[in-house]
Protein backbone atom coordinates (compact mmCIF):
# COMPACT_ATOMS: atom_id res chain seq x y z
CA MET A 1 38.33 -9.73 -82.92
CA GLY A 2 36.23 -7.40 -80.87
CA SER A 3 36.53 -3.73 -81.20
CA SER A 4 37.43 -1.84 -78.11
CA ALA A 5 35.97 1.50 -77.24
CA PRO A 6 38.62 4.36 -77.32
CA VAL A 7 39.73 5.42 -73.92
CA SER A 8 39.12 9.10 -73.35
CA LYS A 9 42.02 11.09 -71.73
CA SER A 10 40.24 13.85 -69.71
CA THR A 11 42.29 16.71 -68.63
CA THR A 12 39.84 17.71 -65.76
CA PRO A 13 41.01 16.53 -62.34
CA THR A 14 38.86 14.02 -60.50
CA VAL A 15 37.49 14.73 -57.02
CA ALA A 16 40.10 12.74 -55.22
CA SER A 17 43.00 14.61 -56.90
CA ALA A 18 41.54 17.79 -56.74
CA ARG A 19 41.24 17.34 -52.79
CA HIS A 20 44.66 15.70 -52.41
CA HIS A 21 46.13 16.37 -49.07
CA LEU A 22 49.63 15.70 -47.78
CA LEU A 23 48.73 12.94 -45.53
CA ASN A 24 45.90 11.41 -47.59
CA THR A 25 48.33 9.37 -49.75
CA ASP A 26 45.56 6.82 -50.63
CA GLY A 27 43.33 9.52 -52.43
CA PHE A 28 40.69 9.21 -49.73
CA SER A 29 39.68 11.79 -47.15
CA HIS A 30 40.51 11.04 -43.56
CA PRO A 31 39.34 14.13 -41.45
CA ARG A 32 39.41 12.40 -37.95
CA GLU A 33 42.85 10.72 -38.53
CA ASN A 34 44.24 14.02 -39.89
CA ALA A 35 42.90 16.05 -37.07
CA ALA A 36 44.41 13.57 -34.49
CA THR A 37 47.70 13.84 -36.40
CA LEU A 38 47.62 17.61 -36.42
CA LEU A 39 46.78 17.82 -32.61
CA THR A 40 49.73 15.38 -31.84
CA THR A 41 52.14 17.51 -33.91
CA SER A 42 50.60 20.67 -32.09
CA PHE A 43 51.36 19.23 -28.83
CA ALA A 44 54.84 18.03 -29.77
CA VAL A 45 55.86 21.58 -31.16
CA ALA A 46 54.55 23.07 -27.82
CA ALA A 47 56.49 20.43 -25.86
CA GLY A 48 59.62 20.96 -27.93
CA ILE A 49 59.70 24.64 -27.41
CA CYS A 50 58.76 24.61 -23.73
CA ALA A 51 61.64 21.99 -23.09
CA LEU A 52 64.20 24.40 -24.39
CA ILE A 53 63.11 26.87 -21.59
CA PRO A 54 63.73 25.44 -18.09
CA ALA A 55 61.08 27.84 -16.40
CA LEU A 56 58.37 26.24 -18.55
CA HIS A 57 59.04 22.78 -17.40
CA LEU A 58 55.39 22.18 -16.15
CA LEU A 59 53.93 23.08 -19.66
CA ALA A 60 56.61 20.86 -21.31
CA CYS A 61 55.50 17.95 -19.10
CA LEU A 62 51.81 18.58 -19.85
CA ALA A 63 52.23 19.11 -23.52
CA GLY A 64 54.68 16.09 -23.79
CA GLY A 65 52.25 13.81 -22.02
CA ALA A 66 49.23 14.93 -23.95
CA GLY A 67 51.34 14.52 -27.19
CA LEU A 68 52.08 10.92 -26.20
CA LEU A 69 48.53 10.11 -25.53
CA THR A 70 47.01 11.81 -28.64
CA GLY A 71 49.83 10.25 -30.57
CA GLY A 72 48.93 6.65 -29.48
CA TYR A 73 45.43 7.11 -30.28
CA ALA A 74 46.31 8.76 -33.70
CA GLN A 75 48.64 5.91 -34.38
CA MET A 76 45.91 3.44 -33.78
CA ILE A 77 43.51 4.97 -36.20
CA SER A 78 45.96 6.27 -38.71
CA ALA A 79 45.07 5.01 -42.25
CA THR A 80 48.18 5.88 -44.26
CA THR A 81 51.79 5.56 -44.00
CA ALA A 82 52.34 9.27 -44.10
CA GLU A 83 50.03 9.76 -41.00
CA ARG A 84 52.05 7.08 -39.14
CA PHE A 85 55.44 8.70 -39.97
CA VAL A 86 54.10 12.10 -38.84
CA ASN A 87 52.62 10.49 -35.58
CA VAL A 88 55.93 8.78 -34.77
CA CYS A 89 57.88 11.81 -35.39
CA ALA A 90 55.47 14.00 -33.11
CA MET A 91 55.43 11.23 -30.52
CA VAL A 92 59.37 11.24 -30.28
CA VAL A 93 59.42 15.05 -29.84
CA SER A 94 56.64 15.00 -27.34
CA GLY A 95 58.46 12.30 -25.31
CA LEU A 96 61.81 14.39 -25.42
CA GLY A 97 59.78 17.27 -24.34
CA LEU A 98 58.31 15.41 -21.44
CA LEU A 99 61.73 13.98 -20.36
CA PHE A 100 63.48 17.41 -20.51
CA GLY A 101 60.45 19.02 -18.60
CA LEU A 102 60.85 16.24 -16.00
CA ALA A 103 64.63 16.78 -15.79
CA HIS A 104 64.19 20.70 -15.28
CA GLY A 105 61.70 20.34 -12.42
CA GLY A 106 58.91 18.01 -13.26
CA LEU A 107 55.31 18.67 -12.60
CA TYR A 108 55.85 20.79 -9.49
């Protein structure tokens, strides 16, 4: 029988776990994908807030449309399930913001 070397149980965090991000569930860094997801979420928040105020229908339409476009791109390049989940939620809010903006007066 061969002897096996003892396995050391280090308590120091590795580089991947030290830089763990909420969207990087696979342990790797995805700066471009995370930035696209953050941009989509920002547009969704802006579109959602502007959709609640009828006087801001133009901003709701623009932010909603931009959120849908950036969300589509972010969805195509996403690397983890968490990024895809946030992208889809943000795209739904962006779409609702666009639709409410169109209902309140549209792009004019």
